[in-house]
Amino acid sequence: MKAAFGVHLILLGAFLAATSSQAARKHPKPPKSVRLYIFDCGTIHSTTVDAYSLKKEEVGSTEMAIPCILVVHPKGTLMWDNGDIPDSAFQPGGGPASAGVVSQAHPLLPQLAEVGYTPADITYLAMSHYHGDHVANANAFAGSTWLVRKAERDRMFSDSPIPRSDAGNYNLLKNSKTVIIERDEYDVFGDATVIIKSEPGHTPGHQVLFLRLAKTGAVVLSGDLYHYPEERTLSRLPVAEFDKEQTAASRADLDAFLQKTGAQLWIQHDFLGNAKLKKAPDFYE
């Protein structure tokens, strides 16, 4: 009888330990200050920069990085941009994946898990814009609250979004809990440390992300307001913007914002700049 009771205690202990472990995975301990994780979501192997009104000899690299971003705040989490190749395109058992001119070494969700998070842990989803290299895994976060501009959402679910082929990677967001952002600057957690700022032109509702990090300082993640740093230093505008005049106005607006806040500008697609940044599981704070 005592032996059976002991077995029950052992089983109970194992069950409680497993339950505790699952709870820990579902609810990671919040940090004391904002953290920024950068995941490697591949590279666009471009050999020309004509579309950006640049010449090959004017740029440090023609390739583009594709980062995926996780922001962890004491009050919750924000997933910002989520890649070009959906995790479903990777073969079971690992190995790289490719899609056209894009290659990626590792899927996103295992990288997310490595730092202790699952899609269920993501409070908010926001994307700089709806183009394919930013939305590949959006459906994985359909259970999060989606923060989006009305003009962008309308375009995404119109009869002819561009490119239409990417709509299947974000179609589940149509039924997500959604906050339509109406302000120029949207304070995600209410303490001015994580702000989504409107900078349209590349798409109708394009936006950038401002972070105030305790040790790193203030940073702005560019979305596609810029693709190459030389666009900024040489004052070049891409050819195929949704609205080129609006893009120019947004760039001027962001310059004023950077001056006001003292923030660094991190151009998300800057291949050489991105290579110098710490990647997850390391983080900025």
Protein backbone atom coordinates (compact mmCIF):
# COMPACT_ATOMS: atom_id res chain seq x y z
CA MET A 1 0.00 0.00 0.00
CA LYS A 2 2.81 2.37 0.94
CA ALA A 3 4.67 1.44 -2.25
CA ALA A 4 1.58 2.19 -4.34
CA PHE A 5 1.14 5.49 -2.52
CA GLY A 6 4.78 6.33 -3.26
CA VAL A 7 4.28 5.56 -6.94
CA HIS A 8 1.27 7.88 -6.98
CA LEU A 9 3.34 10.63 -5.39
CA ILE A 10 6.07 10.16 -8.01
CA LEU A 11 3.52 10.27 -10.83
CA LEU A 12 1.86 13.31 -9.30
CA GLY A 13 5.22 15.01 -9.00
CA ALA A 14 6.03 14.23 -12.63
CA PHE A 15 2.66 15.54 -13.76
CA LEU A 16 3.06 18.77 -11.79
CA ALA A 17 6.59 19.22 -13.14
CA ALA A 18 5.38 18.70 -16.71
CA THR A 19 2.48 21.08 -16.16
CA SER A 20 4.82 23.65 -14.67
CA SER A 21 7.19 23.26 -17.61
CA GLN A 22 4.36 23.74 -20.10
CA ALA A 23 3.17 26.81 -18.23
CA ALA A 24 6.67 28.23 -18.32
CA ARG A 25 6.81 27.72 -22.07
CA LYS A 26 3.43 29.33 -22.58
CA HIS A 27 4.23 32.31 -20.38
CA PRO A 28 7.90 33.31 -20.61
CA LYS A 29 9.06 35.56 -17.79
CA PRO A 30 8.79 39.19 -18.92
CA PRO A 31 12.04 41.20 -18.98
CA LYS A 32 12.61 44.28 -16.84
CA SER A 33 13.09 46.45 -19.93
CA VAL A 34 12.45 46.24 -23.68
CA ARG A 35 14.39 43.62 -25.65
CA LEU A 36 14.91 43.42 -29.40
CA TYR A 37 15.57 40.05 -31.04
CA ILE A 38 16.65 39.87 -34.69
CA PHE A 39 16.08 36.59 -36.53
CA ASP A 40 17.75 35.64 -39.80
CA CYS A 41 14.93 35.18 -42.30
CA GLY A 42 17.08 34.96 -45.39
CA THR A 43 18.67 36.98 -48.17
CA ILE A 44 17.42 38.45 -51.43
CA HIS A 45 20.16 37.68 -53.95
CA SER A 46 19.77 40.75 -56.12
CA THR A 47 22.41 41.51 -58.75
CA THR A 48 21.07 44.90 -59.82
CA VAL A 49 19.91 48.03 -58.04
CA ASP A 50 18.33 49.80 -61.01
CA ALA A 51 14.90 49.68 -59.37
CA TYR A 52 16.24 51.92 -56.62
CA SER A 53 17.70 54.56 -58.97
CA LEU A 54 21.19 53.37 -58.09
CA LYS A 55 24.13 51.91 -59.98
CA LYS A 56 25.85 48.72 -58.94
CA GLU A 57 29.15 50.52 -58.36
CA GLU A 58 27.42 52.99 -56.00
CA VAL A 59 26.38 50.41 -53.40
CA GLY A 60 28.34 48.35 -50.91
CA SER A 61 26.30 45.25 -51.73
CA THR A 62 23.43 44.56 -54.09
CA GLU A 63 22.01 41.86 -51.82
CA MET A 64 19.30 42.50 -49.25
CA ALA A 65 18.88 41.06 -45.78
CA ILE A 66 15.48 39.86 -44.57
CA PRO A 67 15.29 40.17 -40.79
CA CYS A 68 12.33 39.10 -38.70
CA ILE A 69 11.90 41.08 -35.48
CA LEU A 70 10.61 40.22 -32.02
CA VAL A 71 10.14 42.97 -29.45
CA VAL A 72 9.66 41.82 -25.86
CA HIS A 73 8.26 44.39 -23.44
CA PRO A 74 7.49 43.96 -19.73
CA LYS A 75 3.79 44.16 -20.67
CA GLY A 76 3.77 41.90 -23.74
CA THR A 77 5.34 41.04 -27.08
CA LEU A 78 5.28 42.40 -30.62
CA MET A 79 6.21 40.50 -33.79
CA TRP A 80 7.38 42.92 -36.48
CA ASP A 81 7.76 41.53 -40.03
CA ASN A 82 8.03 37.77 -40.50
CA GLY A 83 9.96 36.86 -43.61
CA ASP A 84 9.65 35.87 -47.26
CA ILE A 85 9.63 32.06 -47.07
CA PRO A 86 6.91 30.46 -44.92
CA ASP A 87 8.04 27.79 -42.49
CA SER A 88 5.85 25.30 -44.37
CA ALA A 89 8.26 25.51 -47.34
CA PHE A 90 11.08 23.95 -45.34
CA GLN A 91 11.63 20.21 -45.64
CA PRO A 92 11.04 18.12 -42.49
CA GLY A 93 14.29 17.47 -40.70
CA GLY A 94 15.88 20.80 -41.53
CA GLY A 95 17.99 22.16 -44.31
CA PRO A 96 17.75 25.47 -46.18
CA ALA A 97 14.87 26.62 -48.37
CA SER A 98 14.71 28.89 -51.38
CA ALA A 99 12.05 30.75 -53.33
CA GLY A 100 13.10 32.51 -56.49
CA VAL A 101 16.03 34.78 -55.64
CA VAL A 102 15.52 34.35 -51.89
CA SER A 103 17.35 31.79 -49.76
CA GLN A 104 16.97 31.09 -46.05
CA ALA A 105 18.95 28.78 -43.79
CA HIS A 106 16.43 28.23 -40.98
CA PRO A 107 12.64 28.59 -40.54
CA LEU A 108 11.34 31.33 -38.27
CA LEU A 109 9.34 29.50 -35.61
CA PRO A 110 12.21 27.29 -34.37
CA GLN A 111 14.31 30.45 -34.05
CA LEU A 112 11.49 31.98 -32.05
CA ALA A 113 11.32 28.86 -29.85
CA GLU A 114 15.05 29.06 -29.20
CA VAL A 115 14.52 32.31 -27.31
CA GLY A 116 11.54 30.86 -25.44
CA TYR A 117 8.50 31.98 -27.43
CA THR A 118 5.76 30.42 -29.54
CA PRO A 119 3.16 32.21 -31.68
CA ALA A 120 0.76 31.84 -28.73
CA ASP A 121 3.06 34.09 -26.70
CA ILE A 122 2.89 36.98 -29.18
CA THR A 123 0.58 39.73 -27.96
CA TYR A 124 0.69 41.90 -31.08
CA LEU A 125 1.51 41.42 -34.74
CA ALA A 126 2.49 44.42 -36.85
CA MET A 127 4.17 44.60 -40.23
CA SER A 128 5.88 47.48 -41.95
CA HIS A 129 3.79 46.62 -45.02
CA TYR A 130 2.16 43.73 -46.83
CA HIS A 131 4.76 42.83 -49.48
CA GLY A 132 5.80 39.19 -49.69
CA ASP A 133 9.19 39.46 -47.98
CA HIS A 134 7.50 40.76 -44.80
CA VAL A 135 4.40 38.56 -44.46
CA ALA A 136 5.39 34.95 -45.14
CA ASN A 137 4.53 33.65 -41.67
CA ALA A 138 1.77 36.12 -40.81
CA ASN A 139 -0.87 33.38 -40.55
CA ALA A 140 1.11 31.78 -37.70
CA PHE A 141 0.30 34.88 -35.64
CA ALA A 142 -3.38 35.13 -36.50
CA GLY A 143 -4.16 34.59 -32.80
CA SER A 144 -2.36 37.81 -31.89
CA THR A 145 -3.87 41.28 -32.03
CA TRP A 146 -3.04 42.77 -35.42
CA LEU A 147 -1.98 46.42 -35.49
CA VAL A 148 -2.50 47.84 -38.97
CA ARG A 149 -3.43 51.01 -40.90
CA LYS A 150 -6.83 50.98 -42.57
CA ALA A 151 -5.34 51.85 -45.98
CA GLU A 152 -2.99 48.87 -45.73
CA ARG A 153 -5.63 46.40 -44.59
CA ASP A 154 -8.00 47.57 -47.32
CA ARG A 155 -5.29 47.05 -49.91
CA MET A 156 -4.41 43.59 -48.57
CA PHE A 157 -7.97 42.35 -48.84
CA SER A 158 -8.97 44.19 -51.99
CA ASP A 159 -9.70 42.36 -55.23
CA SER A 160 -6.23 43.14 -56.56
CA PRO A 161 -3.53 43.49 -53.90
CA ILE A 162 -0.01 43.51 -55.32
CA PRO A 163 1.29 40.83 -55.46
CA ARG A 164 -1.81 38.71 -55.16
CA SER A 165 0.24 35.50 -54.83
CA ASP A 166 1.31 36.46 -51.28
CA ALA A 167 -2.24 36.84 -49.96
CA GLY A 168 -2.39 33.19 -48.92
CA ASN A 169 0.33 33.84 -46.35
CA TYR A 170 -1.75 36.42 -44.48
CA ASN A 171 -5.37 35.54 -45.31
CA LEU A 172 -6.13 34.34 -41.76
CA LEU A 173 -5.52 37.86 -40.45
CA LYS A 174 -8.85 38.88 -41.92
CA ASN A 175 -10.54 37.33 -38.89
CA SER A 176 -7.88 38.29 -36.32
CA LYS A 177 -8.56 40.66 -33.47
CA THR A 178 -7.52 43.92 -35.13
CA VAL A 179 -6.66 47.44 -34.03
CA ILE A 180 -6.90 49.97 -36.85
CA ILE A 181 -4.17 52.54 -36.19
CA GLU A 182 -5.38 56.06 -36.89
CA ARG A 183 -2.66 58.15 -35.22
CA ASP A 184 0.61 59.07 -36.87
CA GLU A 185 2.42 57.60 -33.84
CA TYR A 186 0.86 54.63 -32.06
CA ASP A 187 2.24 53.85 -28.59
CA VAL A 188 1.95 50.06 -28.40
CA PHE A 189 2.49 49.57 -24.66
CA GLY A 190 1.61 53.06 -23.41
CA ASP A 191 5.06 54.09 -22.17
CA ALA A 192 6.67 55.56 -25.33
CA THR A 193 9.21 52.72 -25.64
CA VAL A 194 7.60 50.97 -28.64
CA ILE A 195 5.96 53.26 -31.20
CA ILE A 196 4.62 52.40 -34.65
CA LYS A 197 4.92 55.47 -36.88
CA SER A 198 3.13 56.10 -40.16
CA GLU A 199 5.44 56.62 -43.15
CA PRO A 200 3.36 55.82 -46.27
CA GLY A 201 4.45 55.82 -49.88
CA HIS A 202 6.06 52.45 -50.45
CA THR A 203 2.56 51.09 -49.80
CA PRO A 204 -0.57 53.02 -48.76
CA GLY A 205 -0.21 52.17 -45.06
CA HIS A 206 3.54 51.63 -44.74
CA GLN A 207 4.91 52.15 -41.23
CA VAL A 208 8.20 52.10 -39.30
CA LEU A 209 8.99 50.99 -35.75
CA PHE A 210 10.58 53.17 -33.06
CA LEU A 211 12.15 51.51 -30.01
CA ARG A 212 13.63 53.16 -26.95
CA LEU A 213 16.11 50.63 -25.55
CA ALA A 214 17.62 51.16 -22.10
CA LYS A 215 21.23 50.33 -23.08
CA THR A 216 21.30 50.62 -26.87
CA GLY A 217 19.35 53.86 -27.05
CA ALA A 218 16.63 54.84 -29.50
CA VAL A 219 16.35 52.92 -32.78
CA VAL A 220 14.04 53.15 -35.79
CA LEU A 221 13.49 50.05 -37.95
CA SER A 222 12.90 51.30 -41.47
CA GLY A 223 10.58 48.77 -43.05
CA ASP A 224 10.99 49.54 -46.76
CA LEU A 225 11.14 53.31 -46.49
CA TYR A 226 14.75 52.62 -47.51
CA HIS A 227 16.28 49.45 -48.92
CA TYR A 228 19.91 50.51 -49.32
CA PRO A 229 21.75 53.12 -47.22
CA GLU A 230 22.90 54.75 -50.46
CA GLU A 231 19.29 55.70 -51.22
CA ARG A 232 19.55 57.99 -48.23
CA THR A 233 23.09 59.30 -48.69
CA LEU A 234 22.61 59.90 -52.43
CA SER A 235 18.96 61.04 -52.21
CA ARG A 236 17.60 58.43 -54.61
CA LEU A 237 13.98 57.29 -54.79
CA PRO A 238 12.94 53.80 -55.89
CA VAL A 239 11.19 53.57 -59.23
CA ALA A 240 8.16 51.48 -58.29
CA GLU A 241 6.74 53.13 -55.18
CA PHE A 242 3.00 53.16 -54.63
CA ASP A 243 3.34 56.95 -54.34
CA LYS A 244 6.82 58.43 -54.95
CA GLU A 245 5.88 61.91 -53.73
CA GLN A 246 4.48 60.43 -50.54
CA THR A 247 7.67 58.38 -50.06
CA ALA A 248 9.77 61.54 -50.39
CA ALA A 249 7.55 63.30 -47.84
CA SER A 250 7.79 60.34 -45.47
CA ARG A 251 11.58 60.32 -45.70
CA ALA A 252 11.68 64.03 -44.84
CA ASP A 253 9.28 63.41 -41.95
CA LEU A 254 11.42 60.56 -40.63
CA ASP A 255 14.58 62.67 -40.83
CA ALA A 256 12.90 65.24 -38.58
CA PHE A 257 11.75 62.47 -36.23
CA LEU A 258 15.27 61.03 -36.04
CA GLN A 259 16.67 64.46 -35.23
CA LYS A 260 14.03 65.04 -32.56
CA THR A 261 14.48 61.65 -30.86
CA GLY A 262 18.20 61.11 -31.48
CA ALA A 263 17.36 57.65 -32.79
CA GLN A 264 19.59 55.50 -34.98
CA LEU A 265 18.09 54.38 -38.30
CA TRP A 266 18.49 50.66 -38.95
CA ILE A 267 17.64 49.95 -42.58
CA GLN A 268 16.12 46.49 -42.42
CA HIS A 269 17.24 45.34 -45.89
CA ASP A 270 20.79 46.77 -45.53
CA PHE A 271 22.82 43.60 -46.08
CA LEU A 272 26.13 44.92 -44.76
CA GLY A 273 24.52 46.80 -41.87
CA ASN A 274 22.42 43.80 -40.86
CA ALA A 275 25.51 41.56 -40.89
CA LYS A 276 26.99 43.65 -38.07
CA LEU A 277 23.94 43.30 -35.83
CA LYS A 278 23.56 40.69 -33.11
CA LYS A 279 21.21 37.86 -34.04
CA ALA A 280 18.96 35.82 -31.77
CA PRO A 281 19.37 34.24 -29.29
CA ASP A 282 21.41 37.37 -28.48
CA PHE A 283 19.35 40.52 -28.09
CA TYR A 284 19.52 44.28 -27.74
CA GLU A 285 18.18 46.00 -24.65
